[in-house]
């Protein structure tokens, strides 16, 4: 959030014309984004492991088919689902309070689950 300087701030910072206030994003948004990153990394590493061992991802309609695929993708899908729910809840509060920066963090937590949904829908065409 950028705003004009107060009279006291103008005396302390004569070279500045405006100031940007720190906007805390909150513990839930930070944990949601970290969880989304962990889930996405698990998904990528799981896909690489399955591909290295099987030479195919063993997906049926966008969902894992073999036990190895479920072992790799199941936890990743669960972690991304948790991050999506956290991002959705914190995103609603961000919209209600009209917070821009925290809303970006909330949307970032939802991105991996939405990417999985897009891949799933593309497989069901």
N, C-alpha and C. Protein backbone atom coordinates (compact mmCIF):
# COMPACT_ATOMS: atom_id res chain seq x y z
N UNK A 1 0.84 -1.16 0.00
CA UNK A 1 0.00 0.00 0.00
C UNK A 1 0.89 1.24 0.00
N UNK A 2 0.75 2.05 -0.97
CA UNK A 2 1.52 3.27 -1.07
C UNK A 2 0.66 4.45 -0.64
N UNK A 3 1.26 5.34 0.14
CA UNK A 3 0.53 6.51 0.61
C UNK A 3 1.48 7.69 0.67
N UNK A 4 0.92 8.89 0.80
CA UNK A 4 1.72 10.11 0.94
C UNK A 4 2.33 10.17 2.33
N UNK A 5 3.45 10.86 2.43
CA UNK A 5 4.14 10.99 3.71
C UNK A 5 3.41 11.97 4.63
N UNK A 6 3.48 11.69 5.93
CA UNK A 6 2.97 12.64 6.92
C UNK A 6 4.01 13.74 7.11
N UNK A 7 3.66 14.79 7.83
CA UNK A 7 4.59 15.90 8.05
C UNK A 7 5.84 15.43 8.79
N UNK A 8 5.67 14.55 9.78
CA UNK A 8 6.81 14.02 10.52
C UNK A 8 7.71 13.18 9.62
N UNK A 9 7.11 12.36 8.76
CA UNK A 9 7.89 11.52 7.85
C UNK A 9 8.62 12.35 6.80
N UNK A 10 8.03 13.45 6.37
CA UNK A 10 8.69 14.34 5.41
C UNK A 10 9.96 14.93 5.99
N UNK A 11 9.96 15.22 7.29
CA UNK A 11 11.16 15.76 7.93
C UNK A 11 12.23 14.68 8.10
N UNK A 12 11.80 13.45 8.41
CA UNK A 12 12.76 12.37 8.58
C UNK A 12 13.31 11.87 7.25
N UNK A 13 12.49 11.87 6.22
CA UNK A 13 12.89 11.37 4.89
C UNK A 13 12.64 12.45 3.85
N UNK A 14 13.50 13.47 3.77
CA UNK A 14 13.23 14.57 2.84
C UNK A 14 13.34 14.17 1.37
N UNK A 15 14.00 13.09 1.06
CA UNK A 15 14.17 12.66 -0.32
C UNK A 15 12.97 11.87 -0.85
N UNK A 16 12.08 11.43 0.03
CA UNK A 16 10.97 10.57 -0.38
C UNK A 16 9.70 11.39 -0.62
N UNK A 17 8.88 10.93 -1.55
CA UNK A 17 7.61 11.59 -1.81
C UNK A 17 6.42 10.73 -1.37
N UNK A 18 6.66 9.40 -1.22
CA UNK A 18 5.61 8.51 -0.76
C UNK A 18 6.25 7.36 -0.01
N UNK A 19 5.44 6.59 0.67
CA UNK A 19 5.95 5.48 1.46
C UNK A 19 5.07 4.26 1.21
N UNK A 20 5.70 3.11 1.23
CA UNK A 20 4.97 1.85 1.09
C UNK A 20 4.92 1.17 2.45
N UNK A 21 3.74 0.89 2.91
CA UNK A 21 3.58 0.24 4.20
C UNK A 21 3.74 -1.27 4.03
N UNK A 22 4.26 -1.89 5.04
CA UNK A 22 4.39 -3.34 5.08
C UNK A 22 3.01 -3.96 5.24
N UNK A 23 2.71 -4.93 4.39
CA UNK A 23 1.43 -5.62 4.48
C UNK A 23 1.71 -7.07 4.88
N UNK A 24 1.39 -7.44 6.11
CA UNK A 24 1.62 -8.83 6.52
C UNK A 24 0.67 -9.77 5.79
N UNK A 25 1.17 -10.90 5.35
CA UNK A 25 0.32 -11.83 4.61
C UNK A 25 -0.36 -12.83 5.53
N UNK A 26 0.18 -13.07 6.68
CA UNK A 26 -0.46 -13.97 7.63
C UNK A 26 0.09 -15.38 7.58
N UNK A 27 -0.05 -16.05 8.70
CA UNK A 27 0.48 -17.41 8.85
C UNK A 27 -0.23 -18.40 7.94
N UNK A 28 -1.56 -18.30 7.83
CA UNK A 28 -2.31 -19.25 7.00
C UNK A 28 -1.96 -19.13 5.53
N UNK A 29 -1.82 -17.91 5.03
CA UNK A 29 -1.47 -17.73 3.61
C UNK A 29 -0.07 -18.25 3.32
N UNK A 30 0.86 -17.96 4.24
CA UNK A 30 2.23 -18.43 4.07
C UNK A 30 2.27 -19.95 4.08
N UNK A 31 1.59 -20.58 5.03
CA UNK A 31 1.57 -22.04 5.11
C UNK A 31 0.85 -22.65 3.91
N UNK A 32 -0.19 -21.98 3.42
CA UNK A 32 -0.88 -22.46 2.23
C UNK A 32 0.02 -22.47 1.01
N UNK A 33 0.80 -21.41 0.83
CA UNK A 33 1.71 -21.34 -0.31
C UNK A 33 2.84 -22.35 -0.18
N UNK A 34 3.36 -22.51 1.03
CA UNK A 34 4.41 -23.51 1.25
C UNK A 34 3.86 -24.91 0.99
N UNK A 35 2.67 -25.19 1.48
CA UNK A 35 2.04 -26.49 1.27
C UNK A 35 1.81 -26.75 -0.21
N UNK A 36 1.38 -25.74 -0.94
CA UNK A 36 1.17 -25.89 -2.38
C UNK A 36 2.49 -26.20 -3.08
N UNK A 37 3.55 -25.53 -2.68
CA UNK A 37 4.87 -25.79 -3.26
C UNK A 37 5.36 -27.19 -2.97
N UNK A 38 5.14 -27.66 -1.74
CA UNK A 38 5.54 -29.02 -1.37
C UNK A 38 4.74 -30.04 -2.18
N UNK A 39 3.43 -29.82 -2.29
CA UNK A 39 2.60 -30.74 -3.07
C UNK A 39 2.99 -30.78 -4.53
N UNK A 40 3.28 -29.62 -5.09
CA UNK A 40 3.69 -29.58 -6.50
C UNK A 40 5.05 -30.24 -6.70
N UNK A 41 5.98 -30.01 -5.77
CA UNK A 41 7.29 -30.66 -5.87
C UNK A 41 7.16 -32.18 -5.74
N UNK A 42 6.30 -32.62 -4.83
CA UNK A 42 6.05 -34.04 -4.67
C UNK A 42 5.47 -34.63 -5.95
N UNK A 43 4.55 -33.89 -6.56
CA UNK A 43 3.95 -34.33 -7.82
C UNK A 43 5.01 -34.49 -8.92
N UNK A 44 5.88 -33.49 -9.07
CA UNK A 44 6.92 -33.54 -10.10
C UNK A 44 7.90 -34.68 -9.83
N UNK A 45 8.36 -34.80 -8.58
CA UNK A 45 9.28 -35.89 -8.24
C UNK A 45 8.61 -37.26 -8.39
N UNK A 46 7.34 -37.35 -8.04
CA UNK A 46 6.61 -38.61 -8.22
C UNK A 46 6.46 -38.97 -9.68
N UNK A 47 6.16 -37.97 -10.52
CA UNK A 47 6.04 -38.23 -11.95
C UNK A 47 7.38 -38.67 -12.53
N UNK A 48 8.45 -38.04 -12.09
CA UNK A 48 9.79 -38.42 -12.59
C UNK A 48 10.14 -39.84 -12.13
N UNK A 49 9.80 -40.18 -10.90
CA UNK A 49 10.09 -41.53 -10.39
C UNK A 49 9.29 -42.58 -11.14
N UNK A 50 8.01 -42.34 -11.31
CA UNK A 50 7.17 -43.31 -12.03
C UNK A 50 7.63 -43.44 -13.47
N UNK A 51 7.94 -42.33 -14.09
CA UNK A 51 8.39 -42.38 -15.49
C UNK A 51 9.72 -43.12 -15.61
N UNK A 52 10.62 -42.93 -14.65
CA UNK A 52 11.92 -43.61 -14.70
C UNK A 52 11.77 -45.11 -14.48
N UNK A 53 10.81 -45.51 -13.66
CA UNK A 53 10.65 -46.94 -13.36
C UNK A 53 9.77 -47.66 -14.37
N UNK A 54 8.78 -46.97 -14.92
CA UNK A 54 7.79 -47.64 -15.76
C UNK A 54 7.82 -47.22 -17.22
N UNK A 55 8.46 -46.14 -17.53
CA UNK A 55 8.48 -45.55 -18.88
C UNK A 55 7.11 -45.08 -19.34
N UNK A 56 6.13 -45.07 -18.43
CA UNK A 56 4.83 -44.46 -18.69
C UNK A 56 4.23 -44.09 -17.34
N UNK A 57 3.35 -43.11 -17.34
CA UNK A 57 2.82 -42.61 -16.07
C UNK A 57 1.66 -43.42 -15.53
N UNK A 58 1.12 -44.37 -16.28
CA UNK A 58 0.03 -45.23 -15.81
C UNK A 58 -1.16 -44.44 -15.29
N UNK A 59 -1.65 -43.54 -16.12
CA UNK A 59 -2.83 -42.77 -15.74
C UNK A 59 -4.02 -43.26 -16.56
N UNK A 60 -5.17 -43.33 -15.93
CA UNK A 60 -6.41 -43.65 -16.62
C UNK A 60 -7.36 -42.51 -16.38
N UNK A 61 -7.64 -41.75 -17.41
CA UNK A 61 -8.55 -40.63 -17.28
C UNK A 61 -8.01 -39.53 -16.38
N UNK A 62 -6.69 -39.39 -16.31
CA UNK A 62 -6.08 -38.34 -15.51
C UNK A 62 -5.82 -38.73 -14.06
N UNK A 63 -6.25 -39.91 -13.65
CA UNK A 63 -6.01 -40.37 -12.28
C UNK A 63 -5.02 -41.52 -12.29
N UNK A 64 -4.24 -41.67 -11.21
CA UNK A 64 -3.27 -42.78 -11.16
C UNK A 64 -3.96 -44.13 -11.31
N UNK A 65 -3.26 -45.06 -11.92
CA UNK A 65 -3.83 -46.37 -12.17
C UNK A 65 -3.11 -47.46 -11.39
N UNK A 66 -1.80 -47.46 -11.38
CA UNK A 66 -1.05 -48.52 -10.70
C UNK A 66 -0.76 -48.13 -9.26
N UNK A 67 -0.30 -49.11 -8.48
CA UNK A 67 0.04 -48.85 -7.07
C UNK A 67 1.18 -47.86 -6.93
N UNK A 68 2.17 -47.97 -7.80
CA UNK A 68 3.30 -47.03 -7.76
C UNK A 68 2.83 -45.62 -8.07
N UNK A 69 1.93 -45.49 -9.03
CA UNK A 69 1.40 -44.16 -9.37
C UNK A 69 0.60 -43.58 -8.23
N UNK A 70 -0.22 -44.41 -7.57
CA UNK A 70 -0.99 -43.91 -6.42
C UNK A 70 -0.05 -43.53 -5.28
N UNK A 71 1.02 -44.28 -5.09
CA UNK A 71 1.99 -43.95 -4.04
C UNK A 71 2.69 -42.63 -4.29
N UNK A 72 2.90 -42.32 -5.57
CA UNK A 72 3.57 -41.07 -5.92
C UNK A 72 2.60 -39.90 -5.97
N UNK A 73 1.43 -40.12 -6.57
CA UNK A 73 0.51 -39.01 -6.80
C UNK A 73 -0.53 -38.81 -5.69
N UNK A 74 -0.87 -39.86 -4.97
CA UNK A 74 -1.89 -39.75 -3.93
C UNK A 74 -1.56 -38.71 -2.86
N UNK A 75 -0.38 -38.82 -2.21
CA UNK A 75 -0.04 -37.79 -1.22
C UNK A 75 0.06 -36.39 -1.83
N UNK A 76 0.58 -36.31 -3.05
CA UNK A 76 0.69 -34.99 -3.71
C UNK A 76 -0.69 -34.39 -3.93
N UNK A 77 -1.64 -35.20 -4.37
CA UNK A 77 -2.99 -34.69 -4.59
C UNK A 77 -3.63 -34.27 -3.26
N UNK A 78 -3.38 -35.02 -2.20
CA UNK A 78 -3.91 -34.66 -0.88
C UNK A 78 -3.32 -33.35 -0.37
N UNK A 79 -2.02 -33.19 -0.52
CA UNK A 79 -1.34 -31.97 -0.07
C UNK A 79 -1.83 -30.77 -0.88
N UNK A 80 -1.97 -30.95 -2.19
CA UNK A 80 -2.46 -29.85 -3.03
C UNK A 80 -3.91 -29.52 -2.72
N UNK A 81 -4.70 -30.51 -2.34
CA UNK A 81 -6.10 -30.26 -1.96
C UNK A 81 -6.17 -29.44 -0.67
N UNK A 82 -5.31 -29.76 0.30
CA UNK A 82 -5.27 -28.99 1.54
C UNK A 82 -4.86 -27.55 1.23
N UNK A 83 -3.85 -27.37 0.38
CA UNK A 83 -3.40 -26.02 0.02
C UNK A 83 -4.51 -25.27 -0.71
N UNK A 84 -5.28 -25.96 -1.54
CA UNK A 84 -6.38 -25.31 -2.25
C UNK A 84 -7.44 -24.81 -1.28
N UNK A 85 -7.79 -25.63 -0.29
CA UNK A 85 -8.80 -25.23 0.69
C UNK A 85 -8.30 -24.03 1.50
N UNK A 86 -7.04 -24.07 1.92
CA UNK A 86 -6.48 -22.94 2.67
C UNK A 86 -6.47 -21.69 1.80
N UNK A 87 -6.07 -21.83 0.54
CA UNK A 87 -6.07 -20.69 -0.38
C UNK A 87 -7.46 -20.16 -0.63
N UNK A 88 -8.44 -21.03 -0.72
CA UNK A 88 -9.81 -20.61 -0.95
C UNK A 88 -10.36 -19.84 0.26
N UNK A 89 -10.14 -20.36 1.44
CA UNK A 89 -10.65 -19.70 2.66
C UNK A 89 -9.96 -18.35 2.86
N UNK A 90 -8.63 -18.33 2.75
CA UNK A 90 -7.92 -17.06 2.93
C UNK A 90 -8.18 -16.10 1.78
N UNK A 91 -8.47 -16.63 0.59
CA UNK A 91 -8.81 -15.77 -0.55
C UNK A 91 -10.13 -15.06 -0.35
N UNK A 92 -11.09 -15.77 0.23
CA UNK A 92 -12.39 -15.14 0.50
C UNK A 92 -12.22 -14.00 1.50
N UNK A 93 -11.43 -14.23 2.55
CA UNK A 93 -11.20 -13.14 3.50
C UNK A 93 -10.43 -11.99 2.87
N UNK A 94 -9.53 -12.31 1.93
CA UNK A 94 -8.80 -11.25 1.23
C UNK A 94 -9.70 -10.41 0.35
N UNK A 95 -10.66 -11.05 -0.30
CA UNK A 95 -11.61 -10.31 -1.14
C UNK A 95 -12.53 -9.45 -0.27
N UNK A 96 -12.98 -10.01 0.84
CA UNK A 96 -13.87 -9.25 1.73
C UNK A 96 -13.18 -8.01 2.28
N UNK A 97 -11.91 -8.17 2.66
CA UNK A 97 -11.16 -7.05 3.25
C UNK A 97 -10.45 -6.19 2.21
N UNK A 98 -10.58 -6.55 0.93
CA UNK A 98 -9.96 -5.82 -0.18
C UNK A 98 -8.44 -5.72 -0.03
N UNK A 99 -7.80 -6.86 0.24
CA UNK A 99 -6.35 -6.94 0.39
C UNK A 99 -5.75 -7.51 -0.88
N UNK A 100 -4.89 -6.78 -1.53
CA UNK A 100 -4.34 -7.24 -2.81
C UNK A 100 -3.18 -8.20 -2.63
N UNK A 101 -2.15 -7.81 -1.88
CA UNK A 101 -0.96 -8.65 -1.74
C UNK A 101 -1.29 -9.99 -1.08
N UNK A 102 -2.03 -10.02 0.02
CA UNK A 102 -2.38 -11.33 0.59
C UNK A 102 -3.25 -12.17 -0.34
N UNK A 103 -4.05 -11.53 -1.17
CA UNK A 103 -4.88 -12.28 -2.11
C UNK A 103 -4.02 -13.02 -3.14
N UNK A 104 -2.91 -12.41 -3.53
CA UNK A 104 -1.99 -13.08 -4.47
C UNK A 104 -1.42 -14.33 -3.82
N UNK A 105 -1.08 -14.26 -2.55
CA UNK A 105 -0.57 -15.44 -1.84
C UNK A 105 -1.64 -16.53 -1.78
N UNK A 106 -2.88 -16.14 -1.54
CA UNK A 106 -3.96 -17.12 -1.48
C UNK A 106 -4.18 -17.77 -2.84
N UNK A 107 -4.13 -16.97 -3.90
CA UNK A 107 -4.31 -17.54 -5.24
C UNK A 107 -3.14 -18.45 -5.60
N UNK A 108 -1.94 -18.09 -5.16
CA UNK A 108 -0.78 -18.94 -5.40
C UNK A 108 -0.91 -20.30 -4.75
N UNK A 109 -1.57 -20.37 -3.61
CA UNK A 109 -1.79 -21.65 -2.94
C UNK A 109 -2.78 -22.52 -3.71
N UNK A 110 -3.65 -21.91 -4.50
CA UNK A 110 -4.65 -22.67 -5.25
C UNK A 110 -4.15 -23.13 -6.61
N UNK A 111 -3.08 -22.56 -7.12
CA UNK A 111 -2.63 -22.83 -8.49
C UNK A 111 -2.29 -24.30 -8.74
N UNK A 112 -1.49 -24.99 -7.90
CA UNK A 112 -1.18 -26.40 -8.22
C UNK A 112 -2.40 -27.29 -8.34
N UNK A 113 -3.38 -27.12 -7.45
CA UNK A 113 -4.60 -27.94 -7.54
C UNK A 113 -5.38 -27.61 -8.81
N UNK A 114 -5.40 -26.35 -9.19
CA UNK A 114 -6.08 -25.98 -10.44
C UNK A 114 -5.36 -26.54 -11.65
N UNK A 115 -4.03 -26.59 -11.61
CA UNK A 115 -3.28 -27.21 -12.72
C UNK A 115 -3.61 -28.70 -12.83
N UNK A 116 -3.71 -29.37 -11.68
CA UNK A 116 -4.09 -30.78 -11.71
C UNK A 116 -5.49 -30.94 -12.29
N UNK A 117 -6.41 -30.05 -11.92
CA UNK A 117 -7.77 -30.11 -12.45
C UNK A 117 -7.77 -29.91 -13.96
N UNK A 118 -6.97 -29.00 -14.46
CA UNK A 118 -6.88 -28.79 -15.91
C UNK A 118 -6.35 -30.04 -16.60
N UNK A 119 -5.31 -30.66 -16.03
CA UNK A 119 -4.78 -31.90 -16.62
C UNK A 119 -5.83 -33.00 -16.58
N UNK A 120 -6.59 -33.09 -15.50
CA UNK A 120 -7.62 -34.11 -15.38
C UNK A 120 -8.72 -33.89 -16.42
N UNK A 121 -9.14 -32.62 -16.59
CA UNK A 121 -10.19 -32.33 -17.57
C UNK A 121 -9.70 -32.55 -19.00
N UNK A 122 -8.44 -32.27 -19.25
CA UNK A 122 -7.88 -32.50 -20.60
C UNK A 122 -7.83 -34.00 -20.90
N UNK A 123 -7.60 -34.82 -19.88
CA UNK A 123 -7.54 -36.26 -20.09
C UNK A 123 -8.93 -36.85 -20.32
N UNK A 124 -9.96 -36.18 -19.88
CA UNK A 124 -11.33 -36.67 -20.04
C UNK A 124 -12.04 -36.10 -21.27
N UNK A 125 -11.34 -35.50 -22.16
CA UNK A 125 -11.96 -34.97 -23.37
C UNK A 125 -12.41 -36.06 -24.26
